[in-house]
């Protein structure tokens, strides 16, 4: 059995199917692979959101738990990740309801990252995210260091 265009040349397959769709020939589209690729694209968008959320959360944790180490770089990262998340949500509004369900995984990644970068233990951070989605995305929100934090 000869490999399909999908298996031989992904770019050519994409171009060919786009052409078929534009020409109004849906009966010739490779629907099985198109469905798989569309699902993969959807998952990729969600992973991008979770990744940006994790970076943002890690920097919020570092900001709160190591106030003596705050840098302009951290502040720029907070600004940039919020902009990129806002752009993702603007381009794909259906991702907005996914923020709440993505938060636990993103926060788990963020605590590992923040612990690694600060030298703190993951257990030094709250077990669940201490910030609400509205705070996380608010460009004016910066957590205030508390005296109970080990590095405050």
C-alpha atoms as a PDB file:
ATOM      1  CA  UNK A   1       0.000   0.000   0.000  1.00  0.00           C
ATOM      2  CA  UNK A   2       1.404   3.359  -1.038  1.00  0.00           C
ATOM      3  CA  UNK A   3       1.717   5.993   1.723  1.00  0.00           C
ATOM      4  CA  UNK A   4      -0.815   8.819   1.518  1.00  0.00           C
ATOM      5  CA  UNK A   5       0.145  12.405   0.773  1.00  0.00           C
ATOM      6  CA  UNK A   6      -0.491  13.076   4.467  1.00  0.00           C
ATOM      7  CA  UNK A   7       2.224  10.558   5.384  1.00  0.00           C
ATOM      8  CA  UNK A   8       4.620  11.583   2.604  1.00  0.00           C
ATOM      9  CA  UNK A   9       4.533  15.390   2.698  1.00  0.00           C
ATOM     10  CA  UNK A  10       2.550  17.152   5.396  1.00  0.00           C
ATOM     11  CA  UNK A  11       2.989  20.618   3.865  1.00  0.00           C
ATOM     12  CA  UNK A  12       1.813  19.424   0.459  1.00  0.00           C
ATOM     13  CA  UNK A  13      -1.145  17.693   2.130  1.00  0.00           C
ATOM     14  CA  UNK A  14      -2.109  20.934   3.901  1.00  0.00           C
ATOM     15  CA  UNK A  15      -1.838  22.948   0.704  1.00  0.00           C
ATOM     16  CA  UNK A  16      -3.819  20.388  -1.286  1.00  0.00           C
ATOM     17  CA  UNK A  17      -6.656  20.215   1.262  1.00  0.00           C
ATOM     18  CA  UNK A  18      -6.810  24.003   1.556  1.00  0.00           C
ATOM     19  CA  UNK A  19      -7.110  24.192  -2.221  1.00  0.00           C
ATOM     20  CA  UNK A  20      -9.887  21.575  -2.238  1.00  0.00           C
ATOM     21  CA  UNK A  21     -11.780  23.459   0.471  1.00  0.00           C
ATOM     22  CA  UNK A  22     -11.468  26.783  -1.372  1.00  0.00           C
ATOM     23  CA  UNK A  23     -12.583  25.181  -4.623  1.00  0.00           C
ATOM     24  CA  UNK A  24     -15.723  23.821  -2.943  1.00  0.00           C
ATOM     25  CA  UNK A  25     -14.793  20.155  -3.290  1.00  0.00           C
ATOM     26  CA  UNK A  26     -15.464  18.835   0.228  1.00  0.00           C
ATOM     27  CA  UNK A  27     -16.065  15.314  -1.088  1.00  0.00           C
ATOM     28  CA  UNK A  28     -12.340  15.078  -1.919  1.00  0.00           C
ATOM     29  CA  UNK A  29     -11.050  16.366   1.434  1.00  0.00           C
ATOM     30  CA  UNK A  30      -9.055  14.028   3.677  1.00  0.00           C
ATOM     31  CA  UNK A  31     -11.613  14.382   6.488  1.00  0.00           C
ATOM     32  CA  UNK A  32     -10.066  11.800   8.825  1.00  0.00           C
ATOM     33  CA  UNK A  33      -6.689  13.534   8.927  1.00  0.00           C
ATOM     34  CA  UNK A  34      -8.256  17.004   8.845  1.00  0.00           C
ATOM     35  CA  UNK A  35     -10.244  16.175  11.983  1.00  0.00           C
ATOM     36  CA  UNK A  36      -7.095  14.862  13.708  1.00  0.00           C
ATOM     37  CA  UNK A  37      -5.116  17.975  12.799  1.00  0.00           C
ATOM     38  CA  UNK A  38      -7.893  20.320  13.919  1.00  0.00           C
ATOM     39  CA  UNK A  39      -8.060  18.544  17.285  1.00  0.00           C
ATOM     40  CA  UNK A  40      -4.271  18.772  17.588  1.00  0.00           C
ATOM     41  CA  UNK A  41      -4.408  22.504  16.851  1.00  0.00           C
ATOM     42  CA  UNK A  42      -7.048  22.958  19.527  1.00  0.00           C
ATOM     43  CA  UNK A  43      -4.941  21.107  22.081  1.00  0.00           C
ATOM     44  CA  UNK A  44      -1.922  23.161  21.083  1.00  0.00           C
ATOM     45  CA  UNK A  45      -3.794  26.402  21.760  1.00  0.00           C
ATOM     46  CA  UNK A  46      -4.807  25.125  25.192  1.00  0.00           C
ATOM     47  CA  UNK A  47      -1.225  24.053  25.962  1.00  0.00           C
ATOM     48  CA  UNK A  48       0.001  27.505  24.950  1.00  0.00           C
ATOM     49  CA  UNK A  49      -2.478  29.085  27.350  1.00  0.00           C
ATOM     50  CA  UNK A  50      -1.448  26.753  30.188  1.00  0.00           C
ATOM     51  CA  UNK A  51       2.231  27.389  29.507  1.00  0.00           C
ATOM     52  CA  UNK A  52       1.840  31.167  29.567  1.00  0.00           C
ATOM     53  CA  UNK A  53      -0.288  30.905  32.698  1.00  0.00           C
ATOM     54  CA  UNK A  54       2.417  28.814  34.402  1.00  0.00           C
ATOM     55  CA  UNK A  55       5.137  31.349  33.546  1.00  0.00           C
ATOM     56  CA  UNK A  56       2.957  34.184  34.805  1.00  0.00           C
ATOM     57  CA  UNK A  57       2.132  32.346  38.042  1.00  0.00           C
ATOM     58  CA  UNK A  58       5.772  31.451  38.677  1.00  0.00           C
ATOM     59  CA  UNK A  59       6.721  35.103  38.413  1.00  0.00           C
ATOM     60  CA  UNK A  60       3.847  36.181  40.655  1.00  0.00           C
ATOM     61  CA  UNK A  61       5.052  33.675  43.263  1.00  0.00           C
ATOM     62  CA  UNK A  62       8.642  34.873  42.966  1.00  0.00           C
ATOM     63  CA  UNK A  63       7.426  38.470  43.236  1.00  0.00           C
ATOM     64  CA  UNK A  64       5.482  37.691  46.399  1.00  0.00           C
ATOM     65  CA  UNK A  65       7.903  35.316  48.091  1.00  0.00           C
ATOM     66  CA  UNK A  66      11.209  36.977  47.263  1.00  0.00           C
ATOM     67  CA  UNK A  67      10.552  40.720  47.350  1.00  0.00           C
ATOM     68  CA  UNK A  68      14.224  41.468  47.972  1.00  0.00           C
ATOM     69  CA  UNK A  69      15.096  39.834  44.632  1.00  0.00           C
ATOM     70  CA  UNK A  70      12.549  41.645  42.464  1.00  0.00           C
ATOM     71  CA  UNK A  71      13.894  42.797  39.121  1.00  0.00           C
ATOM     72  CA  UNK A  72      12.714  44.737  36.099  1.00  0.00           C
ATOM     73  CA  UNK A  73      13.040  41.466  34.197  1.00  0.00           C
ATOM     74  CA  UNK A  74      10.414  39.846  36.432  1.00  0.00           C
ATOM     75  CA  UNK A  75       8.138  42.837  35.925  1.00  0.00           C
ATOM     76  CA  UNK A  76       8.615  42.699  32.142  1.00  0.00           C
ATOM     77  CA  UNK A  77       7.822  38.977  32.172  1.00  0.00           C
ATOM     78  CA  UNK A  78       4.581  39.644  34.069  1.00  0.00           C
ATOM     79  CA  UNK A  79       3.614  42.316  31.538  1.00  0.00           C
ATOM     80  CA  UNK A  80       4.544  40.188  28.526  1.00  0.00           C
ATOM     81  CA  UNK A  81       2.780  37.020  29.682  1.00  0.00           C
ATOM     82  CA  UNK A  82      -0.377  38.956  30.498  1.00  0.00           C
ATOM     83  CA  UNK A  83      -0.296  40.538  27.029  1.00  0.00           C
ATOM     84  CA  UNK A  84       0.191  37.182  25.349  1.00  0.00           C
ATOM     85  CA  UNK A  85      -2.580  35.545  27.360  1.00  0.00           C
ATOM     86  CA  UNK A  86      -4.893  38.454  26.517  1.00  0.00           C
ATOM     87  CA  UNK A  87      -4.024  38.018  22.823  1.00  0.00           C
ATOM     88  CA  UNK A  88      -4.700  34.270  22.996  1.00  0.00           C
ATOM     89  CA  UNK A  89      -8.065  34.916  24.646  1.00  0.00           C
ATOM     90  CA  UNK A  90      -8.918  37.641  22.137  1.00  0.00           C
ATOM     91  CA  UNK A  91      -8.074  35.374  19.194  1.00  0.00           C
ATOM     92  CA  UNK A  92      -9.764  32.332  20.756  1.00  0.00           C
ATOM     93  CA  UNK A  93     -12.455  33.511  23.205  1.00  0.00           C
ATOM     94  CA  UNK A  94     -13.585  29.919  23.761  1.00  0.00           C
ATOM     95  CA  UNK A  95     -10.362  29.403  25.754  1.00  0.00           C
ATOM     96  CA  UNK A  96     -11.528  31.816  28.475  1.00  0.00           C
ATOM     97  CA  UNK A  97     -13.738  29.234  30.249  1.00  0.00           C
ATOM     98  CA  UNK A  98     -10.730  26.878  30.178  1.00  0.00           C
ATOM     99  CA  UNK A  99      -8.729  29.194  32.458  1.00  0.00           C
ATOM    100  CA  UNK A 100     -10.296  27.855  35.656  1.00  0.00           C
ATOM    101  CA  UNK A 101      -9.762  24.221  34.691  1.00  0.00           C
ATOM    102  CA  UNK A 102      -6.191  24.937  33.519  1.00  0.00           C
ATOM    103  CA  UNK A 103      -5.237  26.747  36.701  1.00  0.00           C
ATOM    104  CA  UNK A 104      -4.387  23.712  38.905  1.00  0.00           C
ATOM    105  CA  UNK A 105      -1.955  22.206  36.373  1.00  0.00           C
ATOM    106  CA  UNK A 106      -0.447  25.586  35.551  1.00  0.00           C
ATOM    107  CA  UNK A 107      -0.033  26.337  39.252  1.00  0.00           C
ATOM    108  CA  UNK A 108       1.655  22.990  39.896  1.00  0.00           C
ATOM    109  CA  UNK A 109       4.154  23.760  37.127  1.00  0.00           C
ATOM    110  CA  UNK A 110       4.595  27.293  38.454  1.00  0.00           C
ATOM    111  CA  UNK A 111       5.429  26.153  41.992  1.00  0.00           C
ATOM    112  CA  UNK A 112       8.073  23.739  40.664  1.00  0.00           C
ATOM    113  CA  UNK A 113       9.523  26.486  38.498  1.00  0.00           C
ATOM    114  CA  UNK A 114       9.444  29.107  41.251  1.00  0.00           C
ATOM    115  CA  UNK A 115      11.001  26.682  43.741  1.00  0.00           C
ATOM    116  CA  UNK A 116      13.779  25.851  41.306  1.00  0.00           C
ATOM    117  CA  UNK A 117      14.519  29.496  40.520  1.00  0.00           C
ATOM    118  CA  UNK A 118      14.343  30.765  44.100  1.00  0.00           C
ATOM    119  CA  UNK A 119      16.008  27.850  45.883  1.00  0.00           C
ATOM    120  CA  UNK A 120      12.890  27.537  48.012  1.00  0.00           C
ATOM    121  CA  UNK A 121      11.012  24.297  48.589  1.00  0.00           C
ATOM    122  CA  UNK A 122       7.742  23.698  46.734  1.00  0.00           C
ATOM    123  CA  UNK A 123       6.076  23.264  50.128  1.00  0.00           C
ATOM    124  CA  UNK A 124       6.931  26.916  50.925  1.00  0.00           C
ATOM    125  CA  UNK A 125       4.204  27.916  48.480  1.00  0.00           C
ATOM    126  CA  UNK A 126       0.473  27.396  49.037  1.00  0.00           C
ATOM    127  CA  UNK A 127      -0.839  24.005  47.924  1.00  0.00           C
ATOM    128  CA  UNK A 128      -3.428  25.700  45.717  1.00  0.00           C
ATOM    129  CA  UNK A 129      -3.198  28.911  43.747  1.00  0.00           C
ATOM    130  CA  UNK A 130      -3.648  31.893  46.078  1.00  0.00           C
ATOM    131  CA  UNK A 131      -4.682  34.212  43.236  1.00  0.00           C
ATOM    132  CA  UNK A 132      -8.000  34.516  41.448  1.00  0.00           C
ATOM    133  CA  UNK A 133      -8.037  34.472  37.642  1.00  0.00           C
ATOM    134  CA  UNK A 134      -9.121  38.129  37.660  1.00  0.00           C
ATOM    135  CA  UNK A 135      -6.030  39.047  39.712  1.00  0.00           C
ATOM    136  CA  UNK A 136      -3.694  36.932  37.629  1.00  0.00           C
ATOM    137  CA  UNK A 137      -4.788  38.655  34.425  1.00  0.00           C
ATOM    138  CA  UNK A 138      -5.031  42.168  35.907  1.00  0.00           C
ATOM    139  CA  UNK A 139      -2.059  44.179  34.649  1.00  0.00           C
ATOM    140  CA  UNK A 140      -2.095  46.258  37.840  1.00  0.00           C
ATOM    141  CA  UNK A 141      -2.046  43.286  40.238  1.00  0.00           C
ATOM    142  CA  UNK A 142       1.187  42.534  42.050  1.00  0.00           C
ATOM    143  CA  UNK A 143       1.040  40.381  45.177  1.00  0.00           C
ATOM    144  CA  UNK A 144       2.237  41.943  48.399  1.00  0.00           C
ATOM    145  CA  UNK A 145       4.930  40.154  50.370  1.00  0.00           C
ATOM    146  CA  UNK A 146       3.744  38.768  53.666  1.00  0.00           C
ATOM    147  CA  UNK A 147       5.908  38.547  56.774  1.00  0.00           C
ATOM    148  CA  UNK A 148       5.130  34.812  57.025  1.00  0.00           C
ATOM    149  CA  UNK A 149       7.054  34.130  53.805  1.00  0.00           C
ATOM    150  CA  UNK A 150      10.542  32.734  54.461  1.00  0.00           C
ATOM    151  CA  UNK A 151      12.267  35.252  52.162  1.00  0.00           C
ATOM    152  CA  UNK A 152      10.177  38.312  52.995  1.00  0.00           C
END
